[in-house]
Amino acid sequence: MDEGFFQRVYGVVQQIPRGSVTTYGQIARMIGEPRKARYVGFAMHASPGVAGGVPCHRVVFADGSLAPGFAFGGADEQRRMLEDEGVAFLPSGKVDLRRYGWPQTNDPKAGERP
């Protein structure tokens, strides 16, 4: 992937408000690359992180689960960072995308996989 792709991803991730999350796929769609969710993950792994202005902990999988290889300390650290921002977790350990998803959606199936 080229540097321009990563920068477009970071530009979107920098807009995610505190206390909200979005998905790899949603970011891919927002930058006009709907089939490149996996590449968004590559960008998150290579990002400068929160200290670099990229709150990559706010990016989760389409079902609301956390990335097991979260680049800055693992899924436990990602969960801690989100909880510090007021994000609550379902009993399944997933984020409720209907409640915390950004941008907000009226889709009742948001966060569910077919």
C-alpha atoms as a PDB file:
ATOM      1  CA  MET A   1       0.000   0.000   0.000  1.00  0.00           C
ATOM      2  CA  ASP A   2       1.144   3.468  -0.710  1.00  0.00           C
ATOM      3  CA  GLU A   3       1.729   6.188   1.868  1.00  0.00           C
ATOM      4  CA  GLY A   4      -1.252   8.139   0.495  1.00  0.00           C
ATOM      5  CA  PHE A   5      -3.633   5.315   1.401  1.00  0.00           C
ATOM      6  CA  PHE A   6      -2.323   5.223   4.976  1.00  0.00           C
ATOM      7  CA  GLN A   7      -2.628   9.003   5.301  1.00  0.00           C
ATOM      8  CA  ARG A   8      -6.260   8.911   4.118  1.00  0.00           C
ATOM      9  CA  VAL A   9      -6.961   6.198   6.700  1.00  0.00           C
ATOM     10  CA  TYR A  10      -5.299   8.229   9.454  1.00  0.00           C
ATOM     11  CA  GLY A  11      -7.315  11.291   8.427  1.00  0.00           C
ATOM     12  CA  VAL A  12     -10.565   9.398   9.027  1.00  0.00           C
ATOM     13  CA  VAL A  13      -9.389   7.766  12.262  1.00  0.00           C
ATOM     14  CA  GLN A  14      -8.415  11.189  13.635  1.00  0.00           C
ATOM     15  CA  GLN A  15     -12.071  12.226  13.259  1.00  0.00           C
ATOM     16  CA  ILE A  16     -13.507   9.421  15.411  1.00  0.00           C
ATOM     17  CA  PRO A  17     -14.813  11.153  18.537  1.00  0.00           C
ATOM     18  CA  ARG A  18     -13.723  10.113  22.000  1.00  0.00           C
ATOM     19  CA  GLY A  19     -16.112   7.440  23.290  1.00  0.00           C
ATOM     20  CA  SER A  20     -16.910   6.153  19.804  1.00  0.00           C
ATOM     21  CA  VAL A  21     -15.602   3.417  17.545  1.00  0.00           C
ATOM     22  CA  THR A  22     -15.777   2.532  13.882  1.00  0.00           C
ATOM     23  CA  THR A  23     -14.848  -0.528  11.865  1.00  0.00           C
ATOM     24  CA  TYR A  24     -12.051  -1.305   9.446  1.00  0.00           C
ATOM     25  CA  GLY A  25     -14.653  -1.765   6.714  1.00  0.00           C
ATOM     26  CA  GLN A  26     -16.383   1.518   7.479  1.00  0.00           C
ATOM     27  CA  ILE A  27     -13.084   3.374   7.181  1.00  0.00           C
ATOM     28  CA  ALA A  28     -12.375   1.641   3.874  1.00  0.00           C
ATOM     29  CA  ARG A  29     -15.785   2.740   2.568  1.00  0.00           C
ATOM     30  CA  MET A  30     -15.268   6.298   3.819  1.00  0.00           C
ATOM     31  CA  ILE A  31     -12.051   6.683   1.841  1.00  0.00           C
ATOM     32  CA  GLY A  32     -13.598   5.188  -1.289  1.00  0.00           C
ATOM     33  CA  GLU A  33     -11.823   1.814  -1.056  1.00  0.00           C
ATOM     34  CA  PRO A  34     -14.679  -0.476   0.092  1.00  0.00           C
ATOM     35  CA  ARG A  35     -12.801  -3.729  -0.543  1.00  0.00           C
ATOM     36  CA  LYS A  36      -9.686  -2.773   1.413  1.00  0.00           C
ATOM     37  CA  ALA A  37     -10.662  -3.237   5.061  1.00  0.00           C
ATOM     38  CA  ARG A  38      -7.666  -5.529   5.540  1.00  0.00           C
ATOM     39  CA  TYR A  39      -5.372  -2.765   4.305  1.00  0.00           C
ATOM     40  CA  VAL A  40      -6.939  -0.396   6.828  1.00  0.00           C
ATOM     41  CA  GLY A  41      -5.762  -2.934   9.414  1.00  0.00           C
ATOM     42  CA  PHE A  42      -2.250  -2.748   7.989  1.00  0.00           C
ATOM     43  CA  ALA A  43      -2.402   1.039   8.307  1.00  0.00           C
ATOM     44  CA  MET A  44      -3.549   0.772  11.922  1.00  0.00           C
ATOM     45  CA  HIS A  45      -0.683  -1.596  12.713  1.00  0.00           C
ATOM     46  CA  ALA A  46       1.804   0.868  11.197  1.00  0.00           C
ATOM     47  CA  SER A  47       0.238   3.988  12.694  1.00  0.00           C
ATOM     48  CA  PRO A  48       2.063   6.313  15.069  1.00  0.00           C
ATOM     49  CA  GLY A  49      -0.678   5.615  17.631  1.00  0.00           C
ATOM     50  CA  VAL A  50      -2.410   7.952  20.038  1.00  0.00           C
ATOM     51  CA  ALA A  51       0.810   9.823  20.785  1.00  0.00           C
ATOM     52  CA  GLY A  52       1.039  10.518  17.043  1.00  0.00           C
ATOM     53  CA  GLY A  53      -2.558  11.747  16.904  1.00  0.00           C
ATOM     54  CA  VAL A  54      -4.092   8.545  15.498  1.00  0.00           C
ATOM     55  CA  PRO A  55      -6.529   6.986  18.001  1.00  0.00           C
ATOM     56  CA  CYS A  56      -6.324   3.541  16.404  1.00  0.00           C
ATOM     57  CA  HIS A  57      -7.782   1.941  19.538  1.00  0.00           C
ATOM     58  CA  ARG A  58     -11.154   3.261  18.305  1.00  0.00           C
ATOM     59  CA  VAL A  59     -11.135   0.887  15.309  1.00  0.00           C
ATOM     60  CA  VAL A  60     -12.782  -2.525  15.782  1.00  0.00           C
ATOM     61  CA  PHE A  61     -13.964  -5.471  13.685  1.00  0.00           C
ATOM     62  CA  ALA A  62     -17.372  -5.438  11.962  1.00  0.00           C
ATOM     63  CA  ASP A  63     -18.930  -7.485  14.771  1.00  0.00           C
ATOM     64  CA  GLY A  64     -17.633  -5.137  17.480  1.00  0.00           C
ATOM     65  CA  SER A  65     -14.792  -7.387  18.598  1.00  0.00           C
ATOM     66  CA  LEU A  66     -11.340  -6.049  19.356  1.00  0.00           C
ATOM     67  CA  ALA A  67      -8.195  -6.727  17.393  1.00  0.00           C
ATOM     68  CA  PRO A  68      -6.309  -9.563  19.107  1.00  0.00           C
ATOM     69  CA  GLY A  69      -2.998  -8.140  17.925  1.00  0.00           C
ATOM     70  CA  PHE A  70      -3.668  -4.529  18.867  1.00  0.00           C
ATOM     71  CA  ALA A  71      -0.332  -2.924  18.025  1.00  0.00           C
ATOM     72  CA  PHE A  72      -0.026  -0.988  21.253  1.00  0.00           C
ATOM     73  CA  GLY A  73      -0.413  -3.638  23.915  1.00  0.00           C
ATOM     74  CA  GLY A  74      -2.999  -6.200  22.817  1.00  0.00           C
ATOM     75  CA  ALA A  75      -6.768  -6.420  23.088  1.00  0.00           C
ATOM     76  CA  ASP A  76      -6.724  -5.889  26.866  1.00  0.00           C
ATOM     77  CA  GLU A  77      -5.019  -2.521  26.410  1.00  0.00           C
ATOM     78  CA  GLN A  78      -7.420  -1.564  23.613  1.00  0.00           C
ATOM     79  CA  ARG A  79     -10.352  -2.431  25.874  1.00  0.00           C
ATOM     80  CA  ARG A  80      -8.868  -0.416  28.758  1.00  0.00           C
ATOM     81  CA  MET A  81      -8.380   2.609  26.502  1.00  0.00           C
ATOM     82  CA  LEU A  82     -11.952   2.418  25.227  1.00  0.00           C
ATOM     83  CA  GLU A  83     -13.384   1.956  28.721  1.00  0.00           C
ATOM     84  CA  ASP A  84     -11.390   5.018  29.836  1.00  0.00           C
ATOM     85  CA  GLU A  85     -13.329   6.927  27.153  1.00  0.00           C
ATOM     86  CA  GLY A  86     -16.688   5.642  28.424  1.00  0.00           C
ATOM     87  CA  VAL A  87     -17.216   2.799  25.952  1.00  0.00           C
ATOM     88  CA  ALA A  88     -19.024  -0.107  27.643  1.00  0.00           C
ATOM     89  CA  PHE A  89     -18.807  -3.691  26.471  1.00  0.00           C
ATOM     90  CA  LEU A  90     -21.486  -6.297  25.927  1.00  0.00           C
ATOM     91  CA  PRO A  91     -21.304  -9.550  27.929  1.00  0.00           C
ATOM     92  CA  SER A  92     -19.743 -11.106  24.809  1.00  0.00           C
ATOM     93  CA  GLY A  93     -16.780  -8.729  25.166  1.00  0.00           C
ATOM     94  CA  LYS A  94     -17.740  -6.829  22.026  1.00  0.00           C
ATOM     95  CA  VAL A  95     -18.537  -3.153  21.585  1.00  0.00           C
ATOM     96  CA  ASP A  96     -22.196  -2.394  20.890  1.00  0.00           C
ATOM     97  CA  LEU A  97     -21.825  -0.667  17.530  1.00  0.00           C
ATOM     98  CA  ARG A  98     -25.427   0.559  17.621  1.00  0.00           C
ATOM     99  CA  ARG A  99     -24.587   2.553  20.735  1.00  0.00           C
ATOM    100  CA  TYR A 100     -20.931   3.532  20.208  1.00  0.00           C
ATOM    101  CA  GLY A 101     -20.517   3.257  16.437  1.00  0.00           C
ATOM    102  CA  TRP A 102     -19.397   6.267  14.441  1.00  0.00           C
ATOM    103  CA  PRO A 103     -20.850   7.593  12.329  1.00  0.00           C
ATOM    104  CA  GLN A 104     -24.181   6.740  13.903  1.00  0.00           C
ATOM    105  CA  THR A 105     -26.447   4.487  11.903  1.00  0.00           C
ATOM    106  CA  ASN A 106     -30.117   3.653  12.026  1.00  0.00           C
ATOM    107  CA  ASP A 107     -29.411   0.178  10.668  1.00  0.00           C
ATOM    108  CA  PRO A 108     -30.739  -2.306  13.265  1.00  0.00           C
ATOM    109  CA  LYS A 109     -28.213  -4.890  12.043  1.00  0.00           C
ATOM    110  CA  ALA A 110     -25.191  -2.629  12.535  1.00  0.00           C
ATOM    111  CA  GLY A 111     -22.400  -4.604  14.088  1.00  0.00           C
ATOM    112  CA  GLU A 112     -23.863  -7.980  13.162  1.00  0.00           C
ATOM    113  CA  ARG A 113     -22.392 -10.327  10.599  1.00  0.00           C
ATOM    114  CA  PRO A 114     -24.723 -12.233   8.304  1.00  0.00           C
END
